[in-house]
C-alpha cells in the first residue's frame, strides 16, 4: 500500500511540475497579454494543486493536509485576481491589441 501511494505521489508531482513548466513556457512564447495571463494562471494553479496533493499523499498526515488547504485556497483566490488586475492595467496602458478582442466591455461608448 505504501508503494502505491508513493507512486501516486510521484505521478502527481511530475504532472504538477509539467503543468508549471508549461505555464512558464507559455509566458515566454505567447505574444499578447491576455494569452500570457491565461498561460500564467490556468496550468500554474492546477500544477500547485497537484503538487500539494502529492505532498499530502507522501506525508500521510492530516496535519500536513490541514496546512496545505490554505495554500491551495490562497492560490485559487489570488491567481484570478492577479490576472484580472494585470489585464486591466495592460488595457489601460494600451498594450492589448484591441483588434483581437471579441468583446470590448471597457471601450468608451460615446
PDB file of N, CA and C in Angstrom:
ATOM      1  N   UNK A   1       0.820  -1.200   0.000  1.00  0.00           N
ATOM      2  CA  UNK A   1       0.000   0.000   0.000  1.00  0.00           C
ATOM      3  C   UNK A   1       0.864   1.265   0.000  1.00  0.00           C
ATOM      4  N   UNK A   2       1.942   1.220   0.764  1.00  0.00           N
ATOM      5  CA  UNK A   2       2.837   2.381   0.800  1.00  0.00           C
ATOM      6  C   UNK A   2       3.493   2.633  -0.552  1.00  0.00           C
ATOM      7  N   UNK A   3       3.847   1.569  -1.230  1.00  0.00           N
ATOM      8  CA  UNK A   3       4.479   1.735  -2.545  1.00  0.00           C
ATOM      9  C   UNK A   3       3.504   2.342  -3.549  1.00  0.00           C
ATOM     10  N   UNK A   4       2.245   1.954  -3.484  1.00  0.00           N
ATOM     11  CA  UNK A   4       1.243   2.512  -4.404  1.00  0.00           C
ATOM     12  C   UNK A   4       1.020   3.997  -4.125  1.00  0.00           C
ATOM     13  N   UNK A   5       0.990   4.373  -2.848  1.00  0.00           N
ATOM     14  CA  UNK A   5       0.832   5.795  -2.510  1.00  0.00           C
ATOM     15  C   UNK A   5       2.054   6.604  -2.929  1.00  0.00           C
ATOM     16  N   UNK A   6       3.238   6.007  -2.793  1.00  0.00           N
ATOM     17  CA  UNK A   6       4.445   6.704  -3.238  1.00  0.00           C
ATOM     18  C   UNK A   6       4.467   6.891  -4.751  1.00  0.00           C
ATOM     19  N   UNK A   7       4.023   5.887  -5.484  1.00  0.00           N
ATOM     20  CA  UNK A   7       3.966   6.004  -6.943  1.00  0.00           C
ATOM     21  C   UNK A   7       2.928   7.046  -7.351  1.00  0.00           C
ATOM     22  N   UNK A   8       1.788   7.065  -6.662  1.00  0.00           N
ATOM     23  CA  UNK A   8       0.768   8.075  -6.960  1.00  0.00           C
ATOM     24  C   UNK A   8       1.288   9.470  -6.667  1.00  0.00           C
ATOM     25  N   UNK A   9       2.020   9.620  -5.565  1.00  0.00           N
ATOM     26  CA  UNK A   9       2.604  10.923  -5.234  1.00  0.00           C
ATOM     27  C   UNK A   9       3.638  11.338  -6.280  1.00  0.00           C
ATOM     28  N   UNK A  10       4.423  10.391  -6.745  1.00  0.00           N
ATOM     29  CA  UNK A  10       5.412  10.682  -7.784  1.00  0.00           C
ATOM     30  C   UNK A  10       4.743  11.147  -9.065  1.00  0.00           C
ATOM     31  N   UNK A  11       3.673  10.453  -9.464  1.00  0.00           N
ATOM     32  CA  UNK A  11       2.949  10.832 -10.679  1.00  0.00           C
ATOM     33  C   UNK A  11       2.354  12.227 -10.524  1.00  0.00           C
ATOM     34  N   UNK A  12       1.779  12.527  -9.354  1.00  0.00           N
ATOM     35  CA  UNK A  12       1.192  13.851  -9.129  1.00  0.00           C
ATOM     36  C   UNK A  12       2.251  14.944  -9.158  1.00  0.00           C
ATOM     37  N   UNK A  13       3.418  14.681  -8.581  1.00  0.00           N
ATOM     38  CA  UNK A  13       4.496  15.681  -8.611  1.00  0.00           C
ATOM     39  C   UNK A  13       4.956  15.916 -10.049  1.00  0.00           C
ATOM     40  N   UNK A  14       5.099  14.844 -10.809  1.00  0.00           N
ATOM     41  CA  UNK A  14       5.532  15.004 -12.204  1.00  0.00           C
ATOM     42  C   UNK A  14       4.499  15.760 -13.032  1.00  0.00           C
ATOM     43  N   UNK A  15       3.221  15.445 -12.850  1.00  0.00           N
ATOM     44  CA  UNK A  15       2.173  16.175 -13.571  1.00  0.00           C
ATOM     45  C   UNK A  15       2.136  17.647 -13.154  1.00  0.00           C
ATOM     46  N   UNK A  16       2.254  17.909 -11.861  1.00  0.00           N
ATOM     47  CA  UNK A  16       2.256  19.291 -11.381  1.00  0.00           C
ATOM     48  C   UNK A  16       3.452  20.069 -11.899  1.00  0.00           C
ATOM     49  N   UNK A  17       4.611  19.429 -11.900  1.00  0.00           N
ATOM     50  CA  UNK A  17       5.808  20.102 -12.422  1.00  0.00           C
ATOM     51  C   UNK A  17       5.674  20.358 -13.916  1.00  0.00           C
ATOM     52  N   UNK A  18       5.085  19.405 -14.648  1.00  0.00           N
ATOM     53  CA  UNK A  18       4.874  19.601 -16.077  1.00  0.00           C
ATOM     54  C   UNK A  18       3.935  20.774 -16.339  1.00  0.00           C
ATOM     55  N   UNK A  19       2.864  20.879 -15.559  1.00  0.00           N
ATOM     56  CA  UNK A  19       1.935  21.993 -15.746  1.00  0.00           C
ATOM     57  C   UNK A  19       2.591  23.329 -15.411  1.00  0.00           C
ATOM     58  N   UNK A  20       3.377  23.366 -14.353  1.00  0.00           N
ATOM     59  CA  UNK A  20       4.089  24.607 -14.022  1.00  0.00           C
ATOM     60  C   UNK A  20       5.102  24.963 -15.101  1.00  0.00           C
ATOM     61  N   UNK A  21       5.739  23.961 -15.678  1.00  0.00           N
ATOM     62  CA  UNK A  21       6.675  24.211 -16.782  1.00  0.00           C
ATOM     63  C   UNK A  21       5.948  24.749 -18.010  1.00  0.00           C
ATOM     64  N   UNK A  22       4.785  24.183 -18.330  1.00  0.00           N
ATOM     65  CA  UNK A  22       4.036  24.699 -19.476  1.00  0.00           C
ATOM     66  C   UNK A  22       3.568  26.131 -19.226  1.00  0.00           C
ATOM     67  N   UNK A  23       3.261  26.471 -17.980  1.00  0.00           N
ATOM     68  CA  UNK A  23       2.896  27.856 -17.666  1.00  0.00           C
ATOM     69  C   UNK A  23       4.082  28.785 -17.922  1.00  0.00           C
ATOM     70  N   UNK A  24       5.263  28.371 -17.518  1.00  0.00           N
ATOM     71  CA  UNK A  24       6.456  29.201 -17.737  1.00  0.00           C
ATOM     72  C   UNK A  24       6.769  29.333 -19.224  1.00  0.00           C
ATOM     73  N   UNK A  25       6.646  28.252 -19.966  1.00  0.00           N
ATOM     74  CA  UNK A  25       6.894  28.311 -21.404  1.00  0.00           C
ATOM     75  C   UNK A  25       5.854  29.187 -22.088  1.00  0.00           C
ATOM     76  N   UNK A  26       4.603  29.099 -21.647  1.00  0.00           N
ATOM     77  CA  UNK A  26       3.555  29.944 -22.210  1.00  0.00           C
ATOM     78  C   UNK A  26       3.815  31.419 -21.974  1.00  0.00           C
ATOM     79  N   UNK A  27       4.345  31.751 -20.809  1.00  0.00           N
ATOM     80  CA  UNK A  27       4.682  33.153 -20.541  1.00  0.00           C
ATOM     81  C   UNK A  27       5.758  33.654 -21.492  1.00  0.00           C
ATOM     82  N   UNK A  28       6.674  32.794 -21.845  1.00  0.00           N
ATOM     83  CA  UNK A  28       7.747  33.207 -22.748  1.00  0.00           C
ATOM     84  C   UNK A  28       7.317  33.215 -24.212  1.00  0.00           C
ATOM     85  N   UNK A  29       6.446  32.296 -24.606  1.00  0.00           N
ATOM     86  CA  UNK A  29       6.123  32.124 -26.015  1.00  0.00           C
ATOM     87  C   UNK A  29       4.973  32.987 -26.524  1.00  0.00           C
ATOM     88  N   UNK A  30       3.966  33.224 -25.689  1.00  0.00           N
ATOM     89  CA  UNK A  30       2.805  33.973 -26.159  1.00  0.00           C
ATOM     90  C   UNK A  30       3.139  35.440 -26.303  1.00  0.00           C
ATOM     91  N   UNK A  31       2.458  36.081 -27.250  1.00  0.00           N
ATOM     92  CA  UNK A  31       2.797  37.460 -27.593  1.00  0.00           C
ATOM     93  C   UNK A  31       2.003  38.494 -26.814  1.00  0.00           C
ATOM     94  N   UNK A  32       0.705  38.288 -26.692  1.00  0.00           N
ATOM     95  CA  UNK A  32      -0.123  39.339 -26.102  1.00  0.00           C
ATOM     96  C   UNK A  32      -0.450  39.032 -24.647  1.00  0.00           C
ATOM     97  N   UNK A  33      -0.884  40.070 -23.954  1.00  0.00           N
ATOM     98  CA  UNK A  33      -1.122  39.986 -22.514  1.00  0.00           C
ATOM     99  C   UNK A  33      -2.226  38.993 -22.159  1.00  0.00           C
ATOM    100  N   UNK A  34      -3.379  38.983 -22.836  1.00  0.00           N
ATOM    101  CA  UNK A  34      -4.402  38.009 -22.441  1.00  0.00           C
ATOM    102  C   UNK A  34      -3.949  36.548 -22.582  1.00  0.00           C
ATOM    103  N   UNK A  35      -3.205  36.244 -23.591  1.00  0.00           N
ATOM    104  CA  UNK A  35      -2.693  34.873 -23.747  1.00  0.00           C
ATOM    105  C   UNK A  35      -1.697  34.531 -22.657  1.00  0.00           C
ATOM    106  N   UNK A  36      -0.851  35.469 -22.331  1.00  0.00           N
ATOM    107  CA  UNK A  36       0.116  35.237 -21.255  1.00  0.00           C
ATOM    108  C   UNK A  36      -0.578  35.062 -19.912  1.00  0.00           C
ATOM    109  N   UNK A  37      -1.620  35.834 -19.682  1.00  0.00           N
ATOM    110  CA  UNK A  37      -2.344  35.695 -18.423  1.00  0.00           C
ATOM    111  C   UNK A  37      -3.014  34.334 -18.331  1.00  0.00           C
ATOM    112  N   UNK A  38      -3.559  33.858 -19.429  1.00  0.00           N
ATOM    113  CA  UNK A  38      -4.161  32.535 -19.437  1.00  0.00           C
ATOM    114  C   UNK A  38      -3.111  31.469 -19.136  1.00  0.00           C
ATOM    115  N   UNK A  39      -1.948  31.602 -19.746  1.00  0.00           N
ATOM    116  CA  UNK A  39      -0.874  30.640 -19.514  1.00  0.00           C
ATOM    117  C   UNK A  39      -0.344  30.721 -18.087  1.00  0.00           C
ATOM    118  N   UNK A  40      -0.377  31.894 -17.497  1.00  0.00           N
ATOM    119  CA  UNK A  40       0.175  32.054 -16.156  1.00  0.00           C
ATOM    120  C   UNK A  40      -0.764  31.554 -15.074  1.00  0.00           C
ATOM    121  N   UNK A  41      -2.071  31.576 -15.304  1.00  0.00           N
ATOM    122  CA  UNK A  41      -2.994  31.238 -14.233  1.00  0.00           C
ATOM    123  C   UNK A  41      -3.519  29.813 -14.301  1.00  0.00           C
ATOM    124  N   UNK A  42      -3.991  29.387 -15.437  1.00  0.00           N
ATOM    125  CA  UNK A  42      -4.677  28.092 -15.513  1.00  0.00           C
ATOM    126  C   UNK A  42      -3.767  26.909 -15.169  1.00  0.00           C
ATOM    127  N   UNK A  43      -2.695  26.661 -15.918  1.00  0.00           N
ATOM    128  CA  UNK A  43      -1.899  25.468 -15.591  1.00  0.00           C
ATOM    129  C   UNK A  43      -1.103  25.609 -14.303  1.00  0.00           C
ATOM    130  N   UNK A  44      -0.749  26.832 -13.938  1.00  0.00           N
ATOM    131  CA  UNK A  44       0.055  27.025 -12.740  1.00  0.00           C
ATOM    132  C   UNK A  44      -0.738  26.667 -11.490  1.00  0.00           C
ATOM    133  N   UNK A  45      -1.983  27.084 -11.417  1.00  0.00           N
ATOM    134  CA  UNK A  45      -2.805  26.795 -10.245  1.00  0.00           C
ATOM    135  C   UNK A  45      -3.075  25.293 -10.152  1.00  0.00           C
ATOM    136  N   UNK A  46      -3.396  24.668 -11.258  1.00  0.00           N
ATOM    137  CA  UNK A  46      -3.621  23.229 -11.240  1.00  0.00           C
ATOM    138  C   UNK A  46      -2.335  22.483 -10.889  1.00  0.00           C
ATOM    139  N   UNK A  47      -1.199  22.967 -11.364  1.00  0.00           N
ATOM    140  CA  UNK A  47       0.078  22.348 -11.027  1.00  0.00           C
ATOM    141  C   UNK A  47       0.383  22.428  -9.545  1.00  0.00           C
ATOM    142  N   UNK A  48       0.107  23.570  -8.938  1.00  0.00           N
ATOM    143  CA  UNK A  48       0.325  23.717  -7.496  1.00  0.00           C
ATOM    144  C   UNK A  48      -0.625  22.810  -6.717  1.00  0.00           C
ATOM    145  N   UNK A  49      -1.847  22.685  -7.190  1.00  0.00           N
ATOM    146  CA  UNK A  49      -2.796  21.796  -6.520  1.00  0.00           C
ATOM    147  C   UNK A  49      -2.335  20.337  -6.606  1.00  0.00           C
ATOM    148  N   UNK A  50      -1.808  19.925  -7.745  1.00  0.00           N
ATOM    149  CA  UNK A  50      -1.317  18.553  -7.875  1.00  0.00           C
ATOM    150  C   UNK A  50      -0.099  18.301  -6.996  1.00  0.00           C
ATOM    151  N   UNK A  51       0.792  19.267  -6.916  1.00  0.00           N
ATOM    152  CA  UNK A  51       1.961  19.116  -6.048  1.00  0.00           C
ATOM    153  C   UNK A  51       1.537  19.064  -4.583  1.00  0.00           C
ATOM    154  N   UNK A  52       0.559  19.883  -4.203  1.00  0.00           N
ATOM    155  CA  UNK A  52       0.064  19.840  -2.823  1.00  0.00           C
ATOM    156  C   UNK A  52      -0.584  18.494  -2.516  1.00  0.00           C
ATOM    157  N   UNK A  53      -1.315  17.938  -3.470  1.00  0.00           N
ATOM    158  CA  UNK A  53      -1.911  16.612  -3.267  1.00  0.00           C
ATOM    159  C   UNK A  53      -0.821  15.547  -3.135  1.00  0.00           C
ATOM    160  N   UNK A  54       0.243  15.690  -3.900  1.00  0.00           N
ATOM    161  CA  UNK A  54       1.354  14.740  -3.803  1.00  0.00           C
ATOM    162  C   UNK A  54       2.040  14.829  -2.450  1.00  0.00           C
ATOM    163  N   UNK A  55       2.199  16.036  -1.945  1.00  0.00           N
ATOM    164  CA  UNK A  55       2.793  16.205  -0.615  1.00  0.00           C
ATOM    165  C   UNK A  55       1.907  15.558   0.437  1.00  0.00           C
ATOM    166  N   UNK A  56       0.606  15.778   0.318  1.00  0.00           N
ATOM    167  CA  UNK A  56      -0.324  15.181   1.283  1.00  0.00           C
ATOM    168  C   UNK A  56      -0.272  13.649   1.220  1.00  0.00           C
ATOM    169  N   UNK A  57      -0.182  13.088   0.014  1.00  0.00           N
ATOM    170  CA  UNK A  57      -0.087  11.633  -0.105  1.00  0.00           C
ATOM    171  C   UNK A  57       1.223  11.083   0.439  1.00  0.00           C
ATOM    172  N   UNK A  58       2.296  11.770   0.175  1.00  0.00           N
ATOM    173  CA  UNK A  58       3.592  11.243   0.594  1.00  0.00           C
ATOM    174  C   UNK A  58       3.827  11.384   2.097  1.00  0.00           C
ATOM    175  N   UNK A  59       3.274  12.420   2.710  1.00  0.00           N
ATOM    176  CA  UNK A  59       3.483  12.619   4.150  1.00  0.00           C
ATOM    177  C   UNK A  59       2.530  11.783   4.998  1.00  0.00           C
ATOM    178  N   UNK A  60       1.345  11.478   4.456  1.00  0.00           N
ATOM    179  CA  UNK A  60       0.357  10.627   5.132  1.00  0.00           C
ATOM    180  C   UNK A  60       0.018  11.131   6.530  1.00  0.00           C
ATOM    181  N   UNK A  61      -0.251  12.433   6.615  1.00  0.00           N
ATOM    182  CA  UNK A  61      -0.573  13.041   7.902  1.00  0.00           C
ATOM    183  C   UNK A  61      -1.671  14.083   7.703  1.00  0.00           C
ATOM    184  N   UNK A  62      -2.648  14.064   8.592  1.00  0.00           N
ATOM    185  CA  UNK A  62      -3.742  15.031   8.483  1.00  0.00           C
ATOM    186  C   UNK A  62      -3.281  16.442   8.817  1.00  0.00           C
ATOM    187  N   UNK A  63      -2.250  16.600   9.608  1.00  0.00           N
ATOM    188  CA  UNK A  63      -1.760  17.952   9.906  1.00  0.00           C
ATOM    189  C   UNK A  63      -1.155  18.594   8.663  1.00  0.00           C
ATOM    190  N   UNK A  64      -0.538  17.781   7.815  1.00  0.00           N
ATOM    191  CA  UNK A  64       0.008  18.297   6.560  1.00  0.00           C
ATOM    192  C   UNK A  64      -1.125  18.719   5.636  1.00  0.00           C
ATOM    193  N   UNK A  65      -2.186  17.924   5.592  1.00  0.00           N
ATOM    194  CA  UNK A  65      -3.341  18.266   4.761  1.00  0.00           C
ATOM    195  C   UNK A  65      -3.954  19.577   5.233  1.00  0.00           C
ATOM    196  N   UNK A  66      -4.080  19.744   6.539  1.00  0.00           N
ATOM    197  CA  UNK A  66      -4.635  20.981   7.088  1.00  0.00           C
ATOM    198  C   UNK A  66      -3.728  22.166   6.767  1.00  0.00           C
ATOM    199  N   UNK A  67      -2.435  21.963   6.743  1.00  0.00           N
ATOM    200  CA  UNK A  67      -1.507  23.049   6.402  1.00  0.00           C
ATOM    201  C   UNK A  67      -1.536  23.372   4.908  1.00  0.00           C
ATOM    202  N   UNK A  68      -1.844  22.383   4.062  1.00  0.00           N
ATOM    203  CA  UNK A  68      -1.853  22.606   2.610  1.00  0.00           C
ATOM    204  C   UNK A  68      -3.158  23.227   2.114  1.00  0.00           C
ATOM    205  N   UNK A  69      -4.228  23.072   2.859  1.00  0.00           N
ATOM    206  CA  UNK A  69      -5.516  23.632   2.431  1.00  0.00           C
ATOM    207  C   UNK A  69      -5.443  25.151   2.256  1.00  0.00           C
ATOM    208  N   UNK A  70      -4.872  25.921   3.208  1.00  0.00           N
ATOM    209  CA  UNK A  70      -4.771  27.373   2.962  1.00  0.00           C
ATOM    210  C   UNK A  70      -3.893  27.726   1.767  1.00  0.00           C
ATOM    211  N   UNK A  71      -2.869  26.935   1.502  1.00  0.00           N
ATOM    212  CA  UNK A  71      -2.000  27.200   0.349  1.00  0.00           C
ATOM    213  C   UNK A  71      -2.797  27.099  -0.945  1.00  0.00           C
ATOM    214  N   UNK A  72      -3.578  26.045  -1.065  1.00  0.00           N
ATOM    215  CA  UNK A  72      -4.383  25.845  -2.275  1.00  0.00           C
ATOM    216  C   UNK A  72      -5.466  26.907  -2.372  1.00  0.00           C
ATOM    217  N   UNK A  73      -6.119  27.219  -1.265  1.00  0.00           N
ATOM    218  CA  UNK A  73      -7.181  28.232  -1.296  1.00  0.00           C
ATOM    219  C   UNK A  73      -6.645  29.614  -1.647  1.00  0.00           C
ATOM    220  N   UNK A  74      -5.481  29.943  -1.151  1.00  0.00           N
ATOM    221  CA  UNK A  74      -4.883  31.247  -1.480  1.00  0.00           C
ATOM    222  C   UNK A  74      -4.514  31.292  -2.956  1.00  0.00           C
ATOM    223  N   UNK A  75      -3.992  30.199  -3.497  1.00  0.00           N
ATOM    224  CA  UNK A  75      -3.698  30.152  -4.932  1.00  0.00           C
ATOM    225  C   UNK A  75      -4.967  30.318  -5.764  1.00  0.00           C
ATOM    226  N   UNK A  76      -6.026  29.634  -5.345  1.00  0.00           N
ATOM    227  CA  UNK A  76      -7.289  29.727  -6.084  1.00  0.00           C
ATOM    228  C   UNK A  76      -7.889  31.126  -6.006  1.00  0.00           C
ATOM    229  N   UNK A  77      -7.635  31.835  -4.920  1.00  0.00           N
ATOM    230  CA  UNK A  77      -8.206  33.174  -4.761  1.00  0.00           C
ATOM    231  C   UNK A  77      -7.363  34.255  -5.421  1.00  0.00           C
ATOM    232  N   UNK A  78      -6.046  34.133  -5.335  1.00  0.00           N
ATOM    233  CA  UNK A  78      -5.199  35.234  -5.790  1.00  0.00           C
ATOM    234  C   UNK A  78      -4.819  35.161  -7.266  1.00  0.00           C
ATOM    235  N   UNK A  79      -4.730  33.988  -7.850  1.00  0.00           N
ATOM    236  CA  UNK A  79      -4.316  33.895  -9.259  1.00  0.00           C
ATOM    237  C   UNK A  79      -5.317  34.565 -10.200  1.00  0.00           C
ATOM    238  N   UNK A  80      -6.623  34.317 -10.090  1.00  0.00           N
ATOM    239  CA  UNK A  80      -7.549  35.025 -10.984  1.00  0.00           C
ATOM    240  C   UNK A  80      -7.596  36.531 -10.713  1.00  0.00           C
ATOM    241  N   UNK A  81      -7.496  36.905  -9.457  1.00  0.00           N
ATOM    242  CA  UNK A  81      -7.498  38.328  -9.115  1.00  0.00           C
ATOM    243  C   UNK A  81      -6.274  39.026  -9.692  1.00  0.00           C
ATOM    244  N   UNK A  82      -5.135  38.387  -9.576  1.00  0.00           N
ATOM    245  CA  UNK A  82      -3.909  38.940 -10.140  1.00  0.00           C
ATOM    246  C   UNK A  82      -4.016  39.064 -11.660  1.00  0.00           C
ATOM    247  N   UNK A  83      -4.539  38.044 -12.311  1.00  0.00           N
ATOM    248  CA  UNK A  83      -4.684  38.089 -13.769  1.00  0.00           C
ATOM    249  C   UNK A  83      -5.638  39.202 -14.185  1.00  0.00           C
ATOM    250  N   UNK A  84      -6.706  39.382 -13.443  1.00  0.00           N
ATOM    251  CA  UNK A  84      -7.657  40.440 -13.763  1.00  0.00           C
ATOM    252  C   UNK A  84      -7.005  41.817 -13.644  1.00  0.00           C
ATOM    253  N   UNK A  85      -6.272  42.025 -12.580  1.00  0.00           N
ATOM    254  CA  UNK A  85      -5.649  43.335 -12.375  1.00  0.00           C
ATOM    255  C   UNK A  85      -4.563  43.616 -13.424  1.00  0.00           C
ATOM    256  N   UNK A  86      -3.780  42.618 -13.757  1.00  0.00           N
ATOM    257  CA  UNK A  86      -2.745  42.817 -14.780  1.00  0.00           C
ATOM    258  C   UNK A  86      -3.377  43.061 -16.145  1.00  0.00           C
ATOM    259  N   UNK A  87      -4.420  42.307 -16.476  1.00  0.00           N
ATOM    260  CA  UNK A  87      -5.101  42.511 -17.751  1.00  0.00           C
ATOM    261  C   UNK A  87      -5.752  43.871 -17.854  1.00  0.00           C
ATOM    262  N   UNK A  88      -6.354  44.310 -16.770  1.00  0.00           N
ATOM    263  CA  UNK A  88      -6.990  45.637 -16.773  1.00  0.00           C
ATOM    264  C   UNK A  88      -5.952  46.749 -16.944  1.00  0.00           C
ATOM    265  N   UNK A  89      -4.826  46.603 -16.260  1.00  0.00           N
ATOM    266  CA  UNK A  89      -3.777  47.616 -16.387  1.00  0.00           C
ATOM    267  C   UNK A  89      -3.165  47.594 -17.787  1.00  0.00           C
ATOM    268  N   UNK A  90      -3.014  46.414 -18.375  1.00  0.00           N
ATOM    269  CA  UNK A  90      -2.489  46.338 -19.736  1.00  0.00           C
ATOM    270  C   UNK A  90      -3.445  47.003 -20.711  1.00  0.00           C
ATOM    271  N   UNK A  91      -4.738  46.843 -20.491  1.00  0.00           N
ATOM    272  CA  UNK A  91      -5.718  47.506 -21.354  1.00  0.00           C
ATOM    273  C   UNK A  91      -5.619  49.025 -21.212  1.00  0.00           C
ATOM    274  N   UNK A  92      -5.492  49.487 -20.001  1.00  0.00           N
ATOM    275  CA  UNK A  92      -5.394  50.941 -19.771  1.00  0.00           C
ATOM    276  C   UNK A  92      -4.115  51.524 -20.349  1.00  0.00           C
ATOM    277  N   UNK A  93      -3.034  50.745 -20.319  1.00  0.00           N
ATOM    278  CA  UNK A  93      -1.763  51.225 -20.881  1.00  0.00           C
ATOM    279  C   UNK A  93      -1.745  51.174 -22.398  1.00  0.00           C
ATOM    280  N   UNK A  94      -2.681  50.454 -22.989  1.00  0.00           N
ATOM    281  CA  UNK A  94      -2.715  50.335 -24.440  1.00  0.00           C
ATOM    282  C   UNK A  94      -1.824  49.244 -24.984  1.00  0.00           C
ATOM    283  N   UNK A  95      -1.411  48.307 -24.150  1.00  0.00           N
ATOM    284  CA  UNK A  95      -0.542  47.229 -24.615  1.00  0.00           C
ATOM    285  C   UNK A  95      -1.328  46.008 -25.095  1.00  0.00           C
ATOM    286  N   UNK A  96      -2.662  46.056 -25.039  1.00  0.00           N
ATOM    287  CA  UNK A  96      -3.504  44.978 -25.546  1.00  0.00           C
ATOM    288  C   UNK A  96      -3.895  45.308 -26.976  1.00  0.00           C
ATOM    289  N   UNK A  97      -3.759  44.343 -27.862  1.00  0.00           N
ATOM    290  CA  UNK A  97      -4.156  44.527 -29.253  1.00  0.00           C
ATOM    291  C   UNK A  97      -5.682  44.501 -29.311  1.00  0.00           C
ATOM    292  N   UNK A  98      -6.295  45.652 -29.426  1.00  0.00           N
ATOM    293  CA  UNK A  98      -7.752  45.752 -29.375  1.00  0.00           C
ATOM    294  C   UNK A  98      -8.429  45.122 -30.583  1.00  0.00           C
ATOM    295  N   UNK A  99      -7.706  44.932 -31.673  1.00  0.00           N
ATOM    296  CA  UNK A  99      -8.295  44.304 -32.849  1.00  0.00           C
ATOM    297  C   UNK A  99      -8.577  42.818 -32.615  1.00  0.00           C
ATOM    298  N   UNK A 100      -7.866  42.214 -31.679  1.00  0.00           N
ATOM    299  CA  UNK A 100      -8.061  40.790 -31.420  1.00  0.00           C
ATOM    300  C   UNK A 100      -9.129  40.530 -30.363  1.00  0.00           C
ATOM    301  N   UNK A 101      -9.649  41.562 -29.732  1.00  0.00           N
ATOM    302  CA  UNK A 101     -10.684  41.384 -28.725  1.00  0.00           C
ATOM    303  C   UNK A 101     -12.028  41.080 -29.382  1.00  0.00           C
ATOM    304  N   UNK A 102     -12.711  40.091 -28.885  1.00  0.00           N
ATOM    305  CA  UNK A 102     -14.019  39.736 -29.417  1.00  0.00           C
ATOM    306  C   UNK A 102     -15.061  40.718 -28.887  1.00  0.00           C
ATOM    307  N   UNK A 103     -15.040  40.958 -27.584  1.00  0.00           N
ATOM    308  CA  UNK A 103     -15.945  41.909 -26.941  1.00  0.00           C
ATOM    309  C   UNK A 103     -15.082  42.872 -26.140  1.00  0.00           C
ATOM    310  N   UNK A 104     -15.290  44.139 -26.332  1.00  0.00           N
ATOM    311  CA  UNK A 104     -14.534  45.152 -25.610  1.00  0.00           C
ATOM    312  C   UNK A 104     -15.481  45.894 -24.667  1.00  0.00           C
ATOM    313  N   UNK A 105     -15.597  45.397 -23.461  1.00  0.00           N
ATOM    314  CA  UNK A 105     -16.525  45.994 -22.494  1.00  0.00           C
ATOM    315  C   UNK A 105     -15.979  47.256 -21.853  1.00  0.00           C
ATOM    316  N   UNK A 106     -14.716  47.536 -22.030  1.00  0.00           N
ATOM    317  CA  UNK A 106     -14.112  48.702 -21.414  1.00  0.00           C
ATOM    318  C   UNK A 106     -14.017  49.894 -22.361  1.00  0.00           C
ATOM    319  N   UNK A 107     -14.435  49.726 -23.613  1.00  0.00           N
ATOM    320  CA  UNK A 107     -14.328  50.798 -24.588  1.00  0.00           C
ATOM    321  C   UNK A 107     -15.314  51.926 -24.254  1.00  0.00           C
ATOM    322  N   UNK A 108     -14.930  53.138 -24.605  1.00  0.00           N
ATOM    323  CA  UNK A 108     -15.815  54.287 -24.418  1.00  0.00           C
ATOM    324  C   UNK A 108     -16.981  54.184 -25.400  1.00  0.00           C
ATOM    325  N   UNK A 109     -18.154  54.448 -24.891  1.00  0.00           N
ATOM    326  CA  UNK A 109     -19.336  54.358 -25.740  1.00  0.00           C
ATOM    327  C   UNK A 109     -19.929  55.750 -25.965  1.00  0.00           C
ATOM    328  N   UNK A 110     -19.121  56.633 -26.467  1.00  0.00           N
ATOM    329  CA  UNK A 110     -19.628  57.985 -26.707  1.00  0.00           C
ATOM    330  C   UNK A 110     -19.981  58.234 -28.131  1.00  0.00           C
TER     331      UNK A 110
END
